[in-house]
């Protein structure tokens, strides 16, 4: 007797069930779609952290570009009025 057959015969009753034998969801029960495995949850939180850091970096870069444009305009005005 092969090992998988032996396991199914004695201990693996859950392996004999087919996937279609699930109980139907009643109308008053809600399906919780946020029930993730640990790895899926870690991947999701990592993706959220990366997205948040990307948004924060984009905001900082926008302010840096703004301040550089203002500085260039001030230097240009200084050069025009001081005749440098």
PDB file of N, CA and C in Angstrom:
ATOM      1  N   UNK A   1       0.838  -1.161   0.000  1.00  0.00           N
ATOM      2  CA  UNK A   1       0.000   0.000   0.000  1.00  0.00           C
ATOM      3  C   UNK A   1       0.895   1.240   0.000  1.00  0.00           C
ATOM      4  N   UNK A   2       0.593   2.180  -0.902  1.00  0.00           N
ATOM      5  CA  UNK A   2       1.373   3.405  -0.996  1.00  0.00           C
ATOM      6  C   UNK A   2       1.018   4.351   0.146  1.00  0.00           C
ATOM      7  N   UNK A   3       1.940   5.214   0.482  1.00  0.00           N
ATOM      8  CA  UNK A   3       1.776   6.106   1.615  1.00  0.00           C
ATOM      9  C   UNK A   3       0.579   7.058   1.458  1.00  0.00           C
ATOM     10  N   UNK A   4       0.364   7.687   0.293  1.00  0.00           N
ATOM     11  CA  UNK A   4      -0.802   8.571   0.193  1.00  0.00           C
ATOM     12  C   UNK A   4      -2.122   7.832   0.393  1.00  0.00           C
ATOM     13  N   UNK A   5      -2.228   6.615  -0.130  1.00  0.00           N
ATOM     14  CA  UNK A   5      -3.457   5.853   0.062  1.00  0.00           C
ATOM     15  C   UNK A   5      -3.624   5.488   1.532  1.00  0.00           C
ATOM     16  N   UNK A   6      -2.546   5.134   2.202  1.00  0.00           N
ATOM     17  CA  UNK A   6      -2.602   4.797   3.619  1.00  0.00           C
ATOM     18  C   UNK A   6      -3.054   6.008   4.436  1.00  0.00           C
ATOM     19  N   UNK A   7      -2.515   7.186   4.103  1.00  0.00           N
ATOM     20  CA  UNK A   7      -2.871   8.403   4.837  1.00  0.00           C
ATOM     21  C   UNK A   7      -4.340   8.739   4.634  1.00  0.00           C
ATOM     22  N   UNK A   8      -4.815   8.628   3.404  1.00  0.00           N
ATOM     23  CA  UNK A   8      -6.218   8.913   3.136  1.00  0.00           C
ATOM     24  C   UNK A   8      -7.139   7.899   3.812  1.00  0.00           C
ATOM     25  N   UNK A   9      -6.698   6.677   3.882  1.00  0.00           N
ATOM     26  CA  UNK A   9      -7.536   5.636   4.456  1.00  0.00           C
ATOM     27  C   UNK A   9      -7.689   5.820   5.966  1.00  0.00           C
ATOM     28  N   UNK A  10      -6.637   6.224   6.654  1.00  0.00           N
ATOM     29  CA  UNK A  10      -6.688   6.249   8.104  1.00  0.00           C
ATOM     30  C   UNK A  10      -6.871   7.641   8.706  1.00  0.00           C
ATOM     31  N   UNK A  11      -6.184   8.632   8.184  1.00  0.00           N
ATOM     32  CA  UNK A  11      -6.152   9.914   8.888  1.00  0.00           C
ATOM     33  C   UNK A  11      -6.594  11.094   8.044  1.00  0.00           C
ATOM     34  N   UNK A  12      -6.573  11.003   6.767  1.00  0.00           N
ATOM     35  CA  UNK A  12      -6.795  12.174   5.924  1.00  0.00           C
ATOM     36  C   UNK A  12      -8.208  12.303   5.427  1.00  0.00           C
ATOM     37  N   UNK A  13      -9.192  12.273   6.287  1.00  0.00           N
ATOM     38  CA  UNK A  13     -10.584  12.374   5.849  1.00  0.00           C
ATOM     39  C   UNK A  13     -10.852  13.725   5.182  1.00  0.00           C
ATOM     40  N   UNK A  14     -10.167  14.768   5.602  1.00  0.00           N
ATOM     41  CA  UNK A  14     -10.367  16.074   4.985  1.00  0.00           C
ATOM     42  C   UNK A  14      -9.866  16.098   3.541  1.00  0.00           C
ATOM     43  N   UNK A  15      -8.964  15.193   3.180  1.00  0.00           N
ATOM     44  CA  UNK A  15      -8.469  15.140   1.813  1.00  0.00           C
ATOM     45  C   UNK A  15      -9.484  14.516   0.869  1.00  0.00           C
ATOM     46  N   UNK A  16     -10.419  13.753   1.401  1.00  0.00           N
ATOM     47  CA  UNK A  16     -11.393  13.086   0.553  1.00  0.00           C
ATOM     48  C   UNK A  16     -12.545  14.002   0.176  1.00  0.00           C
ATOM     49  N   UNK A  17     -12.700  15.125   0.853  1.00  0.00           N
ATOM     50  CA  UNK A  17     -13.774  16.044   0.532  1.00  0.00           C
ATOM     51  C   UNK A  17     -13.442  16.786  -0.757  1.00  0.00           C
ATOM     52  N   UNK A  18     -14.442  17.017  -1.537  1.00  0.00           N
ATOM     53  CA  UNK A  18     -14.236  17.766  -2.774  1.00  0.00           C
ATOM     54  C   UNK A  18     -14.452  19.238  -2.489  1.00  0.00           C
ATOM     55  N   UNK A  19     -13.858  20.117  -3.273  1.00  0.00           N
ATOM     56  CA  UNK A  19     -13.991  21.545  -3.006  1.00  0.00           C
ATOM     57  C   UNK A  19     -15.416  22.054  -3.187  1.00  0.00           C
ATOM     58  N   UNK A  20     -16.263  21.366  -3.916  1.00  0.00           N
ATOM     59  CA  UNK A  20     -17.619  21.819  -4.156  1.00  0.00           C
ATOM     60  C   UNK A  20     -18.569  21.556  -3.007  1.00  0.00           C
ATOM     61  N   UNK A  21     -18.132  20.936  -1.944  1.00  0.00           N
ATOM     62  CA  UNK A  21     -19.007  20.581  -0.844  1.00  0.00           C
ATOM     63  C   UNK A  21     -19.040  21.634   0.256  1.00  0.00           C
ATOM     64  N   UNK A  22     -18.729  22.869  -0.054  1.00  0.00           N
ATOM     65  CA  UNK A  22     -18.764  23.922   0.942  1.00  0.00           C
ATOM     66  C   UNK A  22     -20.208  24.294   1.224  1.00  0.00           C
ATOM     67  N   UNK A  23     -20.467  24.716   2.461  1.00  0.00           N
ATOM     68  CA  UNK A  23     -21.827  25.115   2.788  1.00  0.00           C
ATOM     69  C   UNK A  23     -22.117  26.463   2.137  1.00  0.00           C
ATOM     70  N   UNK A  24     -23.336  26.664   1.678  1.00  0.00           N
ATOM     71  CA  UNK A  24     -23.662  27.952   1.044  1.00  0.00           C
ATOM     72  C   UNK A  24     -23.719  29.062   2.085  1.00  0.00           C
ATOM     73  N   UNK A  25     -23.371  30.262   1.658  1.00  0.00           N
ATOM     74  CA  UNK A  25     -23.382  31.416   2.545  1.00  0.00           C
ATOM     75  C   UNK A  25     -24.815  31.899   2.671  1.00  0.00           C
ATOM     76  N   UNK A  26     -25.271  32.067   3.904  1.00  0.00           N
ATOM     77  CA  UNK A  26     -26.621  32.564   4.116  1.00  0.00           C
ATOM     78  C   UNK A  26     -26.673  34.035   3.763  1.00  0.00           C
ATOM     79  N   UNK A  27     -27.866  34.535   3.512  1.00  0.00           N
ATOM     80  CA  UNK A  27     -28.018  35.911   3.054  1.00  0.00           C
ATOM     81  C   UNK A  27     -27.643  36.931   4.122  1.00  0.00           C
ATOM     82  N   UNK A  28     -27.780  36.574   5.420  1.00  0.00           N
ATOM     83  CA  UNK A  28     -27.445  37.539   6.455  1.00  0.00           C
ATOM     84  C   UNK A  28     -25.973  37.529   6.812  1.00  0.00           C
ATOM     85  N   UNK A  29     -25.200  36.575   6.322  1.00  0.00           N
ATOM     86  CA  UNK A  29     -23.762  36.546   6.565  1.00  0.00           C
ATOM     87  C   UNK A  29     -23.058  37.407   5.534  1.00  0.00           C
ATOM     88  N   UNK A  30     -22.043  38.119   5.974  1.00  0.00           N
ATOM     89  CA  UNK A  30     -21.252  38.916   5.040  1.00  0.00           C
ATOM     90  C   UNK A  30     -19.907  38.244   4.842  1.00  0.00           C
ATOM     91  N   UNK A  31     -19.397  38.349   3.649  1.00  0.00           N
ATOM     92  CA  UNK A  31     -18.099  37.768   3.344  1.00  0.00           C
ATOM     93  C   UNK A  31     -17.039  38.794   3.692  1.00  0.00           C
ATOM     94  N   UNK A  32     -16.088  38.410   4.524  1.00  0.00           N
ATOM     95  CA  UNK A  32     -15.014  39.307   4.928  1.00  0.00           C
ATOM     96  C   UNK A  32     -13.869  39.157   3.940  1.00  0.00           C
ATOM     97  N   UNK A  33     -13.739  40.141   3.039  1.00  0.00           N
ATOM     98  CA  UNK A  33     -12.714  40.067   2.005  1.00  0.00           C
ATOM     99  C   UNK A  33     -11.364  40.556   2.501  1.00  0.00           C
ATOM    100  N   UNK A  34     -11.307  41.091   3.691  1.00  0.00           N
ATOM    101  CA  UNK A  34     -10.039  41.581   4.211  1.00  0.00           C
ATOM    102  C   UNK A  34      -9.337  40.523   5.042  1.00  0.00           C
ATOM    103  N   UNK A  35      -9.787  39.304   5.018  1.00  0.00           N
ATOM    104  CA  UNK A  35      -9.159  38.227   5.770  1.00  0.00           C
ATOM    105  C   UNK A  35      -8.016  37.669   4.919  1.00  0.00           C
ATOM    106  N   UNK A  36      -6.803  38.152   5.176  1.00  0.00           N
ATOM    107  CA  UNK A  36      -5.645  37.764   4.394  1.00  0.00           C
ATOM    108  C   UNK A  36      -4.777  36.781   5.169  1.00  0.00           C
ATOM    109  N   UNK A  37      -3.967  36.072   4.441  1.00  0.00           N
ATOM    110  CA  UNK A  37      -2.943  35.276   5.104  1.00  0.00           C
ATOM    111  C   UNK A  37      -1.842  36.219   5.581  1.00  0.00           C
ATOM    112  N   UNK A  38      -0.926  35.696   6.362  1.00  0.00           N
ATOM    113  CA  UNK A  38       0.133  36.558   6.889  1.00  0.00           C
ATOM    114  C   UNK A  38       0.999  37.131   5.788  1.00  0.00           C
ATOM    115  N   UNK A  39       1.348  36.312   4.813  1.00  0.00           N
ATOM    116  CA  UNK A  39       2.222  36.804   3.743  1.00  0.00           C
ATOM    117  C   UNK A  39       1.498  37.826   2.878  1.00  0.00           C
ATOM    118  N   UNK A  40       0.210  37.589   2.606  1.00  0.00           N
ATOM    119  CA  UNK A  40      -0.540  38.557   1.798  1.00  0.00           C
ATOM    120  C   UNK A  40      -0.695  39.870   2.551  1.00  0.00           C
ATOM    121  N   UNK A  41      -0.916  39.781   3.847  1.00  0.00           N
ATOM    122  CA  UNK A  41      -1.038  40.992   4.652  1.00  0.00           C
ATOM    123  C   UNK A  41       0.281  41.751   4.691  1.00  0.00           C
ATOM    124  N   UNK A  42       1.401  41.035   4.835  1.00  0.00           N
ATOM    125  CA  UNK A  42       2.711  41.687   4.836  1.00  0.00           C
ATOM    126  C   UNK A  42       3.005  42.344   3.504  1.00  0.00           C
ATOM    127  N   UNK A  43       2.642  41.651   2.412  1.00  0.00           N
ATOM    128  CA  UNK A  43       2.839  42.247   1.085  1.00  0.00           C
ATOM    129  C   UNK A  43       2.000  43.511   0.928  1.00  0.00           C
ATOM    130  N   UNK A  44       0.764  43.470   1.415  1.00  0.00           N
ATOM    131  CA  UNK A  44      -0.107  44.625   1.287  1.00  0.00           C
ATOM    132  C   UNK A  44       0.413  45.799   2.107  1.00  0.00           C
ATOM    133  N   UNK A  45       0.831  45.545   3.348  1.00  0.00           N
ATOM    134  CA  UNK A  45       1.339  46.640   4.173  1.00  0.00           C
ATOM    135  C   UNK A  45       2.648  47.192   3.610  1.00  0.00           C
ATOM    136  N   UNK A  46       3.477  46.322   3.047  1.00  0.00           N
ATOM    137  CA  UNK A  46       4.715  46.792   2.430  1.00  0.00           C
ATOM    138  C   UNK A  46       4.405  47.668   1.219  1.00  0.00           C
ATOM    139  N   UNK A  47       3.432  47.259   0.414  1.00  0.00           N
ATOM    140  CA  UNK A  47       3.044  48.058  -0.754  1.00  0.00           C
ATOM    141  C   UNK A  47       2.467  49.399  -0.320  1.00  0.00           C
ATOM    142  N   UNK A  48       1.684  49.410   0.775  1.00  0.00           N
ATOM    143  CA  UNK A  48       1.134  50.664   1.274  1.00  0.00           C
ATOM    144  C   UNK A  48       2.236  51.583   1.786  1.00  0.00           C
ATOM    145  N   UNK A  49       3.233  51.019   2.466  1.00  0.00           N
ATOM    146  CA  UNK A  49       4.347  51.827   2.964  1.00  0.00           C
ATOM    147  C   UNK A  49       5.154  52.410   1.808  1.00  0.00           C
ATOM    148  N   UNK A  50       5.397  51.604   0.783  1.00  0.00           N
ATOM    149  CA  UNK A  50       6.153  52.075  -0.379  1.00  0.00           C
ATOM    150  C   UNK A  50       5.379  53.184  -1.077  1.00  0.00           C
ATOM    151  N   UNK A  51       4.058  53.001  -1.204  1.00  0.00           N
ATOM    152  CA  UNK A  51       3.233  54.012  -1.854  1.00  0.00           C
ATOM    153  C   UNK A  51       3.217  55.299  -1.040  1.00  0.00           C
ATOM    154  N   UNK A  52       3.108  55.185   0.282  1.00  0.00           N
ATOM    155  CA  UNK A  52       3.101  56.377   1.131  1.00  0.00           C
ATOM    156  C   UNK A  52       4.439  57.105   1.059  1.00  0.00           C
ATOM    157  N   UNK A  53       5.546  56.372   1.087  1.00  0.00           N
ATOM    158  CA  UNK A  53       6.854  57.019   1.006  1.00  0.00           C
ATOM    159  C   UNK A  53       7.059  57.655  -0.368  1.00  0.00           C
ATOM    160  N   UNK A  54       6.518  57.034  -1.398  1.00  0.00           N
ATOM    161  CA  UNK A  54       6.616  57.606  -2.745  1.00  0.00           C
ATOM    162  C   UNK A  54       5.843  58.920  -2.817  1.00  0.00           C
ATOM    163  N   UNK A  55       4.647  58.954  -2.241  1.00  0.00           N
ATOM    164  CA  UNK A  55       3.854  60.179  -2.239  1.00  0.00           C
ATOM    165  C   UNK A  55       4.553  61.281  -1.442  1.00  0.00           C
ATOM    166  N   UNK A  56       5.148  60.917  -0.297  1.00  0.00           N
ATOM    167  CA  UNK A  56       5.852  61.900   0.527  1.00  0.00           C
ATOM    168  C   UNK A  56       7.069  62.452  -0.219  1.00  0.00           C
ATOM    169  N   UNK A  57       7.799  61.583  -0.904  1.00  0.00           N
ATOM    170  CA  UNK A  57       8.966  62.020  -1.675  1.00  0.00           C
ATOM    171  C   UNK A  57       8.546  62.925  -2.829  1.00  0.00           C
ATOM    172  N   UNK A  58       7.442  62.585  -3.482  1.00  0.00           N
ATOM    173  CA  UNK A  58       6.956  63.412  -4.585  1.00  0.00           C
ATOM    174  C   UNK A  58       6.577  64.804  -4.087  1.00  0.00           C
ATOM    175  N   UNK A  59       5.929  64.875  -2.922  1.00  0.00           N
ATOM    176  CA  UNK A  59       5.554  66.173  -2.350  1.00  0.00           C
ATOM    177  C   UNK A  59       6.795  66.992  -2.010  1.00  0.00           C
ATOM    178  N   UNK A  60       7.803  66.356  -1.416  1.00  0.00           N
ATOM    179  CA  UNK A  60       9.041  67.065  -1.082  1.00  0.00           C
ATOM    180  C   UNK A  60       9.749  67.571  -2.335  1.00  0.00           C
ATOM    181  N   UNK A  61       9.782  66.752  -3.355  1.00  0.00           N
ATOM    182  CA  UNK A  61      10.438  67.173  -4.598  1.00  0.00           C
ATOM    183  C   UNK A  61       9.696  68.335  -5.246  1.00  0.00           C
ATOM    184  N   UNK A  62       8.377  68.341  -5.164  1.00  0.00           N
ATOM    185  CA  UNK A  62       7.613  69.469  -5.702  1.00  0.00           C
ATOM    186  C   UNK A  62       7.957  70.756  -4.977  1.00  0.00           C
ATOM    187  N   UNK A  63       8.088  70.711  -3.640  1.00  0.00           N
ATOM    188  CA  UNK A  63       8.462  71.906  -2.895  1.00  0.00           C
ATOM    189  C   UNK A  63       9.894  72.331  -3.207  1.00  0.00           C
ATOM    190  N   UNK A  64      10.796  71.390  -3.372  1.00  0.00           N
ATOM    191  CA  UNK A  64      12.182  71.727  -3.710  1.00  0.00           C
ATOM    192  C   UNK A  64      12.246  72.416  -5.072  1.00  0.00           C
ATOM    193  N   UNK A  65      11.486  71.903  -6.036  1.00  0.00           N
ATOM    194  CA  UNK A  65      11.450  72.534  -7.361  1.00  0.00           C
ATOM    195  C   UNK A  65      10.891  73.945  -7.252  1.00  0.00           C
ATOM    196  N   UNK A  66       9.844  74.127  -6.460  1.00  0.00           N
ATOM    197  CA  UNK A  66       9.259  75.454  -6.270  1.00  0.00           C
ATOM    198  C   UNK A  66      10.289  76.427  -5.694  1.00  0.00           C
ATOM    199  N   UNK A  67      10.993  76.004  -4.628  1.00  0.00           N
ATOM    200  CA  UNK A  67      11.984  76.887  -4.006  1.00  0.00           C
ATOM    201  C   UNK A  67      13.149  77.176  -4.953  1.00  0.00           C
ATOM    202  N   UNK A  68      13.547  76.220  -5.763  1.00  0.00           N
ATOM    203  CA  UNK A  68      14.620  76.486  -6.732  1.00  0.00           C
ATOM    204  C   UNK A  68      14.185  77.495  -7.784  1.00  0.00           C
ATOM    205  N   UNK A  69      12.958  77.404  -8.244  1.00  0.00           N
ATOM    206  CA  UNK A  69      12.455  78.381  -9.225  1.00  0.00           C
ATOM    207  C   UNK A  69      12.411  79.770  -8.603  1.00  0.00           C
ATOM    208  N   UNK A  70      11.946  79.861  -7.351  1.00  0.00           N
ATOM    209  CA  UNK A  70      11.917  81.160  -6.657  1.00  0.00           C
ATOM    210  C   UNK A  70      13.336  81.702  -6.493  1.00  0.00           C
ATOM    211  N   UNK A  71      14.276  80.836  -6.136  1.00  0.00           N
ATOM    212  CA  UNK A  71      15.666  81.281  -5.974  1.00  0.00           C
ATOM    213  C   UNK A  71      16.247  81.765  -7.298  1.00  0.00           C
ATOM    214  N   UNK A  72      15.950  81.094  -8.388  1.00  0.00           N
ATOM    215  CA  UNK A  72      16.449  81.517  -9.702  1.00  0.00           C
ATOM    216  C   UNK A  72      15.872  82.873 -10.073  1.00  0.00           C
ATOM    217  N   UNK A  73      14.589  83.073  -9.790  1.00  0.00           N
ATOM    218  CA  UNK A  73      13.961  84.360 -10.093  1.00  0.00           C
ATOM    219  C   UNK A  73      14.582  85.469  -9.242  1.00  0.00           C
ATOM    220  N   UNK A  74      14.825  85.199  -7.967  1.00  0.00           N
ATOM    221  CA  UNK A  74      15.451  86.215  -7.109  1.00  0.00           C
ATOM    222  C   UNK A  74      16.859  86.554  -7.577  1.00  0.00           C
ATOM    223  N   UNK A  75      17.634  85.559  -7.953  1.00  0.00           N
ATOM    224  CA  UNK A  75      18.993  85.811  -8.450  1.00  0.00           C
ATOM    225  C   UNK A  75      18.942  86.599  -9.750  1.00  0.00           C
ATOM    226  N   UNK A  76      17.993  86.276 -10.621  1.00  0.00           N
ATOM    227  CA  UNK A  76      17.856  86.999 -11.883  1.00  0.00           C
ATOM    228  C   UNK A  76      17.489  88.465 -11.624  1.00  0.00           C
ATOM    229  N   UNK A  77      16.545  88.701 -10.692  1.00  0.00           N
ATOM    230  CA  UNK A  77      16.177  90.070 -10.350  1.00  0.00           C
ATOM    231  C   UNK A  77      17.357  90.819  -9.724  1.00  0.00           C
ATOM    232  N   UNK A  78      18.119  90.141  -8.874  1.00  0.00           N
ATOM    233  CA  UNK A  78      19.301  90.737  -8.252  1.00  0.00           C
ATOM    234  C   UNK A  78      20.310  91.144  -9.326  1.00  0.00           C
ATOM    235  N   UNK A  79      20.501  90.271 -10.306  1.00  0.00           N
ATOM    236  CA  UNK A  79      21.477  90.558 -11.363  1.00  0.00           C
ATOM    237  C   UNK A  79      21.022  91.715 -12.246  1.00  0.00           C
ATOM    238  N   UNK A  80      19.706  91.854 -12.460  1.00  0.00           N
ATOM    239  CA  UNK A  80      19.208  92.930 -13.305  1.00  0.00           C
ATOM    240  C   UNK A  80      19.322  94.273 -12.569  1.00  0.00           C
ATOM    241  N   UNK A  81      18.875  94.325 -11.311  1.00  0.00           N
ATOM    242  CA  UNK A  81      18.810  95.619 -10.622  1.00  0.00           C
ATOM    243  C   UNK A  81      20.167  96.059 -10.065  1.00  0.00           C
ATOM    244  N   UNK A  82      21.074  95.164  -9.796  1.00  0.00           N
ATOM    245  CA  UNK A  82      22.386  95.522  -9.265  1.00  0.00           C
ATOM    246  C   UNK A  82      23.383  95.688 -10.434  1.00  0.00           C
ATOM    247  N   UNK A  83      23.020  95.268 -11.617  1.00  0.00           N
ATOM    248  CA  UNK A  83      23.870  95.285 -12.810  1.00  0.00           C
ATOM    249  C   UNK A  83      25.126  94.469 -12.618  1.00  0.00           C
ATOM    250  N   UNK A  84      24.929  93.269 -12.198  1.00  0.00           N
ATOM    251  CA  UNK A  84      26.034  92.361 -11.934  1.00  0.00           C
ATOM    252  C   UNK A  84      26.492  91.694 -13.173  1.00  0.00           C
TER     253      UNK A  84
END
